N, C-alpha and C. Protein backbone atom coordinates (compact mmCIF):
# COMPACT_ATOMS: atom_id res chain seq x y z
N MET A 1 0.85 -1.17 0.00
CA MET A 1 0.00 0.00 0.00
C MET A 1 0.89 1.22 0.00
N ARG A 2 0.66 2.10 -0.94
CA ARG A 2 1.47 3.32 -1.07
C ARG A 2 0.77 4.48 -0.39
N PRO A 3 1.52 5.53 -0.10
CA PRO A 3 0.89 6.73 0.49
C PRO A 3 -0.14 7.33 -0.45
N PHE A 4 -1.13 8.00 0.12
CA PHE A 4 -2.15 8.66 -0.70
C PHE A 4 -1.60 9.94 -1.31
N ALA A 5 -2.13 10.29 -2.46
CA ALA A 5 -1.77 11.55 -3.11
C ALA A 5 -2.47 12.69 -2.37
N VAL A 6 -1.79 13.80 -2.32
CA VAL A 6 -2.35 14.99 -1.66
C VAL A 6 -2.57 16.03 -2.74
N GLY A 7 -3.75 16.67 -2.71
CA GLY A 7 -4.11 17.66 -3.72
C GLY A 7 -3.15 18.83 -3.80
N SER A 8 -3.41 19.72 -4.71
CA SER A 8 -2.52 20.84 -4.96
C SER A 8 -2.37 21.77 -3.77
N ASP A 9 -3.34 21.75 -2.88
CA ASP A 9 -3.25 22.56 -1.66
C ASP A 9 -2.59 21.71 -0.57
N SER A 10 -1.40 21.20 -0.87
CA SER A 10 -0.75 20.20 -0.03
C SER A 10 -0.19 20.78 1.27
N ALA A 11 -1.06 21.29 2.08
CA ALA A 11 -0.68 21.80 3.38
C ALA A 11 -0.22 20.63 4.26
N PRO A 12 0.64 20.91 5.22
CA PRO A 12 1.09 19.84 6.13
C PRO A 12 -0.08 19.09 6.78
N LEU A 13 -1.17 19.78 7.05
CA LEU A 13 -2.33 19.13 7.65
C LEU A 13 -2.85 18.00 6.77
N LEU A 14 -2.86 18.20 5.45
CA LEU A 14 -3.35 17.16 4.54
C LEU A 14 -2.43 15.96 4.53
N HIS A 15 -1.13 16.19 4.62
CA HIS A 15 -0.19 15.07 4.67
C HIS A 15 -0.41 14.26 5.95
N VAL A 16 -0.60 14.93 7.06
CA VAL A 16 -0.87 14.24 8.33
C VAL A 16 -2.18 13.48 8.23
N PHE A 17 -3.20 14.10 7.65
CA PHE A 17 -4.51 13.45 7.47
C PHE A 17 -4.35 12.19 6.63
N ALA A 18 -3.66 12.30 5.50
CA ALA A 18 -3.48 11.15 4.61
C ALA A 18 -2.70 10.04 5.31
N ASP A 19 -1.64 10.39 6.02
CA ASP A 19 -0.83 9.38 6.70
C ASP A 19 -1.60 8.70 7.83
N THR A 20 -2.38 9.48 8.57
CA THR A 20 -3.17 8.90 9.67
C THR A 20 -4.25 7.97 9.13
N THR A 21 -4.93 8.40 8.08
CA THR A 21 -5.96 7.55 7.47
C THR A 21 -5.35 6.26 6.97
N ARG A 22 -4.24 6.37 6.26
CA ARG A 22 -3.54 5.20 5.73
C ARG A 22 -3.14 4.24 6.85
N ALA A 23 -2.59 4.78 7.92
CA ALA A 23 -2.16 3.95 9.05
C ALA A 23 -3.35 3.19 9.65
N HIS A 24 -4.50 3.84 9.75
CA HIS A 24 -5.69 3.17 10.30
C HIS A 24 -6.23 2.12 9.33
N ILE A 25 -6.13 2.36 8.04
CA ILE A 25 -6.54 1.34 7.06
C ILE A 25 -5.64 0.11 7.20
N VAL A 26 -4.34 0.33 7.26
CA VAL A 26 -3.39 -0.78 7.37
C VAL A 26 -3.64 -1.57 8.65
N THR A 27 -3.79 -0.88 9.77
CA THR A 27 -4.03 -1.55 11.05
C THR A 27 -5.33 -2.36 11.01
N GLY A 28 -6.38 -1.77 10.47
CA GLY A 28 -7.66 -2.45 10.39
C GLY A 28 -7.63 -3.66 9.49
N LEU A 29 -6.96 -3.54 8.34
CA LEU A 29 -6.87 -4.67 7.42
C LEU A 29 -6.04 -5.79 8.01
N LYS A 30 -4.93 -5.45 8.67
CA LYS A 30 -4.11 -6.48 9.31
C LYS A 30 -4.90 -7.20 10.39
N ALA A 31 -5.67 -6.46 11.17
CA ALA A 31 -6.48 -7.06 12.23
C ALA A 31 -7.53 -8.01 11.65
N ALA A 32 -7.97 -7.73 10.43
CA ALA A 32 -8.97 -8.58 9.78
C ALA A 32 -8.33 -9.79 9.10
N GLY A 33 -6.99 -9.85 9.08
CA GLY A 33 -6.31 -10.98 8.48
C GLY A 33 -5.78 -10.75 7.08
N VAL A 34 -5.77 -9.51 6.62
CA VAL A 34 -5.26 -9.19 5.30
C VAL A 34 -3.75 -8.99 5.38
N HIS A 35 -3.00 -9.61 4.47
CA HIS A 35 -1.55 -9.42 4.40
C HIS A 35 -1.29 -8.11 3.64
N ILE A 36 -0.59 -7.20 4.27
CA ILE A 36 -0.32 -5.89 3.68
C ILE A 36 1.13 -5.83 3.23
N VAL A 37 1.35 -5.38 2.01
CA VAL A 37 2.69 -5.12 1.51
C VAL A 37 2.87 -3.61 1.51
N ASP A 38 3.83 -3.15 2.28
CA ASP A 38 4.07 -1.71 2.41
C ASP A 38 4.92 -1.24 1.24
N ARG A 39 4.31 -0.49 0.36
CA ARG A 39 5.01 0.04 -0.80
C ARG A 39 5.40 1.51 -0.61
N SER A 40 5.42 1.96 0.64
CA SER A 40 5.70 3.37 0.88
C SER A 40 7.17 3.72 0.82
N GLN A 41 8.03 2.73 0.93
CA GLN A 41 9.46 3.00 0.89
C GLN A 41 9.93 3.08 -0.55
N LYS A 42 10.58 4.18 -0.89
CA LYS A 42 11.11 4.34 -2.24
C LYS A 42 12.58 4.65 -2.14
N PRO A 43 13.42 4.17 -2.96
CA PRO A 43 13.20 3.08 -3.93
C PRO A 43 13.29 1.73 -3.24
N VAL A 44 12.92 0.69 -3.97
CA VAL A 44 13.04 -0.66 -3.44
C VAL A 44 14.52 -1.01 -3.40
N ARG A 45 14.97 -1.48 -2.25
CA ARG A 45 16.38 -1.86 -2.09
C ARG A 45 16.59 -3.26 -2.65
N GLY A 46 17.80 -3.55 -3.07
CA GLY A 46 18.13 -4.86 -3.60
C GLY A 46 17.81 -5.98 -2.65
N ALA A 47 18.03 -5.76 -1.34
CA ALA A 47 17.74 -6.79 -0.34
C ALA A 47 16.24 -7.08 -0.25
N ASP A 48 15.42 -6.14 -0.66
CA ASP A 48 13.97 -6.32 -0.59
C ASP A 48 13.44 -7.20 -1.73
N LEU A 49 14.21 -7.35 -2.78
CA LEU A 49 13.72 -8.07 -3.96
C LEU A 49 13.37 -9.52 -3.66
N THR A 50 14.08 -10.15 -2.72
CA THR A 50 13.78 -11.54 -2.40
C THR A 50 12.49 -11.68 -1.61
N ASN A 51 12.02 -10.57 -1.04
CA ASN A 51 10.82 -10.61 -0.21
C ASN A 51 9.60 -10.03 -0.90
N LEU A 52 9.70 -9.69 -2.18
CA LEU A 52 8.55 -9.10 -2.85
C LEU A 52 7.43 -10.11 -2.99
N VAL A 53 6.25 -9.65 -2.75
CA VAL A 53 5.05 -10.47 -2.87
C VAL A 53 4.17 -9.82 -3.92
N ALA A 54 3.62 -10.61 -4.80
CA ALA A 54 2.73 -10.06 -5.81
C ALA A 54 1.44 -9.56 -5.13
N ALA A 55 1.13 -8.33 -5.37
CA ALA A 55 -0.09 -7.75 -4.79
C ALA A 55 -1.28 -8.16 -5.64
N HIS A 56 -2.41 -8.34 -4.98
CA HIS A 56 -3.64 -8.70 -5.68
C HIS A 56 -4.60 -7.52 -5.76
N PHE A 57 -4.44 -6.58 -4.83
CA PHE A 57 -5.32 -5.42 -4.75
C PHE A 57 -4.48 -4.17 -4.50
N ALA A 58 -5.05 -3.04 -4.86
CA ALA A 58 -4.43 -1.74 -4.56
C ALA A 58 -5.49 -0.85 -3.93
N ILE A 59 -5.06 -0.06 -2.98
CA ILE A 59 -5.93 0.97 -2.40
C ILE A 59 -5.30 2.30 -2.76
N LEU A 60 -6.01 3.07 -3.54
CA LEU A 60 -5.53 4.34 -4.05
C LEU A 60 -6.38 5.46 -3.49
N GLY A 61 -5.76 6.58 -3.21
CA GLY A 61 -6.56 7.67 -2.68
C GLY A 61 -5.94 9.02 -2.93
N VAL A 62 -6.78 10.02 -2.88
CA VAL A 62 -6.35 11.41 -3.00
C VAL A 62 -7.07 12.20 -1.92
N VAL A 63 -6.36 13.17 -1.36
CA VAL A 63 -6.88 13.98 -0.26
C VAL A 63 -6.79 15.44 -0.66
N GLY A 64 -7.84 16.21 -0.36
CA GLY A 64 -7.85 17.65 -0.63
C GLY A 64 -8.78 18.33 0.35
N THR A 65 -9.00 19.60 0.14
CA THR A 65 -9.92 20.34 1.00
C THR A 65 -10.95 21.07 0.15
N VAL A 66 -12.15 21.20 0.73
CA VAL A 66 -13.23 21.99 0.15
C VAL A 66 -13.92 22.68 1.31
N ASP A 67 -13.94 23.99 1.28
CA ASP A 67 -14.62 24.77 2.32
C ASP A 67 -14.24 24.33 3.73
N SER A 68 -12.96 24.24 4.00
CA SER A 68 -12.37 23.86 5.29
C SER A 68 -12.69 22.44 5.73
N GLN A 69 -13.25 21.64 4.86
CA GLN A 69 -13.49 20.22 5.11
C GLN A 69 -12.47 19.41 4.33
N VAL A 70 -12.04 18.31 4.90
CA VAL A 70 -11.13 17.41 4.19
C VAL A 70 -11.97 16.47 3.34
N VAL A 71 -11.59 16.34 2.08
CA VAL A 71 -12.28 15.44 1.15
C VAL A 71 -11.28 14.37 0.75
N MET A 72 -11.74 13.12 0.81
CA MET A 72 -10.89 12.00 0.45
C MET A 72 -11.66 11.10 -0.50
N ILE A 73 -11.02 10.76 -1.60
CA ILE A 73 -11.60 9.79 -2.54
C ILE A 73 -10.66 8.59 -2.54
N VAL A 74 -11.20 7.44 -2.20
CA VAL A 74 -10.40 6.23 -2.06
C VAL A 74 -11.02 5.13 -2.90
N ARG A 75 -10.15 4.38 -3.57
CA ARG A 75 -10.63 3.32 -4.45
C ARG A 75 -9.90 2.01 -4.14
N LEU A 76 -10.65 0.93 -4.07
CA LEU A 76 -10.09 -0.41 -4.00
C LEU A 76 -10.16 -0.98 -5.40
N ALA A 77 -9.00 -1.44 -5.90
CA ALA A 77 -8.95 -1.94 -7.27
C ALA A 77 -8.11 -3.22 -7.33
N THR A 78 -8.36 -4.00 -8.35
CA THR A 78 -7.50 -5.15 -8.61
C THR A 78 -6.23 -4.63 -9.26
N MET A 79 -5.21 -5.44 -9.27
CA MET A 79 -3.96 -5.01 -9.91
C MET A 79 -4.11 -4.92 -11.42
N GLU A 80 -5.18 -5.48 -11.95
CA GLU A 80 -5.45 -5.34 -13.39
C GLU A 80 -6.14 -4.02 -13.69
N GLY A 81 -6.50 -3.27 -12.64
CA GLY A 81 -7.11 -1.97 -12.83
C GLY A 81 -8.61 -1.92 -12.69
N ASP A 82 -9.23 -3.05 -12.38
CA ASP A 82 -10.68 -3.06 -12.21
C ASP A 82 -11.05 -2.45 -10.86
N SER A 83 -11.90 -1.45 -10.88
CA SER A 83 -12.34 -0.81 -9.64
C SER A 83 -13.38 -1.68 -8.96
N LEU A 84 -13.15 -2.01 -7.70
CA LEU A 84 -14.10 -2.83 -6.94
C LEU A 84 -14.98 -1.98 -6.05
N SER A 85 -14.45 -0.84 -5.63
CA SER A 85 -15.21 0.04 -4.75
C SER A 85 -14.56 1.41 -4.77
N GLN A 86 -15.38 2.43 -4.73
CA GLN A 86 -14.86 3.79 -4.64
C GLN A 86 -15.71 4.54 -3.63
N VAL A 87 -15.03 5.27 -2.74
CA VAL A 87 -15.71 5.96 -1.66
C VAL A 87 -15.24 7.41 -1.64
N ARG A 88 -16.19 8.31 -1.43
CA ARG A 88 -15.87 9.72 -1.23
C ARG A 88 -16.27 10.08 0.18
N LEU A 89 -15.31 10.55 0.96
CA LEU A 89 -15.54 10.92 2.35
C LEU A 89 -15.25 12.40 2.53
N MET A 90 -16.05 13.05 3.37
CA MET A 90 -15.85 14.47 3.63
C MET A 90 -16.10 14.71 5.11
N GLY A 91 -15.19 15.43 5.76
CA GLY A 91 -15.37 15.71 7.17
C GLY A 91 -14.31 16.63 7.70
N PRO A 92 -14.35 16.90 8.99
CA PRO A 92 -13.36 17.78 9.60
C PRO A 92 -11.99 17.09 9.66
N PRO A 93 -10.93 17.86 9.80
CA PRO A 93 -9.59 17.28 9.85
C PRO A 93 -9.42 16.22 10.94
N ALA A 94 -10.19 16.28 12.00
CA ALA A 94 -10.08 15.30 13.09
C ALA A 94 -10.66 13.93 12.73
N SER A 95 -11.23 13.78 11.55
CA SER A 95 -11.90 12.53 11.19
C SER A 95 -10.99 11.52 10.50
N ALA A 96 -9.69 11.76 10.42
CA ALA A 96 -8.78 10.86 9.70
C ALA A 96 -8.82 9.44 10.22
N ALA A 97 -8.74 9.26 11.53
CA ALA A 97 -8.73 7.91 12.10
C ALA A 97 -10.05 7.20 11.82
N ALA A 98 -11.15 7.90 11.98
CA ALA A 98 -12.46 7.31 11.71
C ALA A 98 -12.60 6.92 10.25
N PHE A 99 -12.09 7.75 9.34
CA PHE A 99 -12.13 7.42 7.92
C PHE A 99 -11.36 6.13 7.67
N GLY A 100 -10.14 6.05 8.21
CA GLY A 100 -9.31 4.86 8.00
C GLY A 100 -9.95 3.60 8.55
N ASP A 101 -10.51 3.69 9.75
CA ASP A 101 -11.17 2.54 10.35
C ASP A 101 -12.36 2.09 9.50
N SER A 102 -13.14 3.04 9.02
CA SER A 102 -14.31 2.73 8.19
C SER A 102 -13.91 2.08 6.87
N LEU A 103 -12.86 2.61 6.25
CA LEU A 103 -12.41 2.06 4.98
C LEU A 103 -11.88 0.64 5.15
N ALA A 104 -11.17 0.38 6.24
CA ALA A 104 -10.67 -0.97 6.50
C ALA A 104 -11.83 -1.94 6.65
N ARG A 105 -12.87 -1.54 7.40
CA ARG A 105 -14.05 -2.41 7.58
C ARG A 105 -14.77 -2.63 6.24
N LEU A 106 -14.79 -1.62 5.40
CA LEU A 106 -15.46 -1.73 4.11
C LEU A 106 -14.69 -2.63 3.14
N PHE A 107 -13.38 -2.46 3.08
CA PHE A 107 -12.57 -3.17 2.08
C PHE A 107 -12.18 -4.58 2.49
N ALA A 108 -12.03 -4.87 3.78
CA ALA A 108 -11.53 -6.17 4.23
C ALA A 108 -12.34 -7.34 3.69
N PRO A 109 -13.67 -7.33 3.78
CA PRO A 109 -14.43 -8.50 3.27
C PRO A 109 -14.21 -8.74 1.78
N THR A 110 -14.09 -7.70 1.01
CA THR A 110 -13.85 -7.86 -0.43
C THR A 110 -12.47 -8.46 -0.67
N ILE A 111 -11.47 -7.95 0.01
CA ILE A 111 -10.11 -8.47 -0.17
C ILE A 111 -10.03 -9.91 0.29
N LEU A 112 -10.56 -10.23 1.43
CA LEU A 112 -10.48 -11.59 1.96
C LEU A 112 -11.32 -12.57 1.15
N GLY A 113 -12.42 -12.10 0.58
CA GLY A 113 -13.29 -12.97 -0.19
C GLY A 113 -12.79 -13.27 -1.58
N GLN A 114 -11.82 -12.50 -2.07
CA GLN A 114 -11.36 -12.67 -3.43
C GLN A 114 -9.90 -13.09 -3.51
N ARG A 115 -9.40 -13.68 -2.47
CA ARG A 115 -8.01 -14.16 -2.48
C ARG A 115 -7.88 -15.36 -3.36
């Protein structure tokens, strides 16, 4: 799972929001039994090549603001590019953890059911 993209108004608050949401998605998916491959480290080191696992799903997202509300669009897709679910969330900056927890609960059954 890679970090979410942050819109053109990439204030530090949006980066924190994106990172917090992502962390809660990862924690929730792991708790549900989903194996997570962390793709946030760039570049891939040579030592990592022996441990690469083929991903079956991707969670993609973008974060921005509208009228002092944080807007997040997140998509669960297959690695072939088929969109399985897309969610648009809007709320105050303090809602990052709740967004991540909700997304993990939403996506986990689909990921686990299609292994």
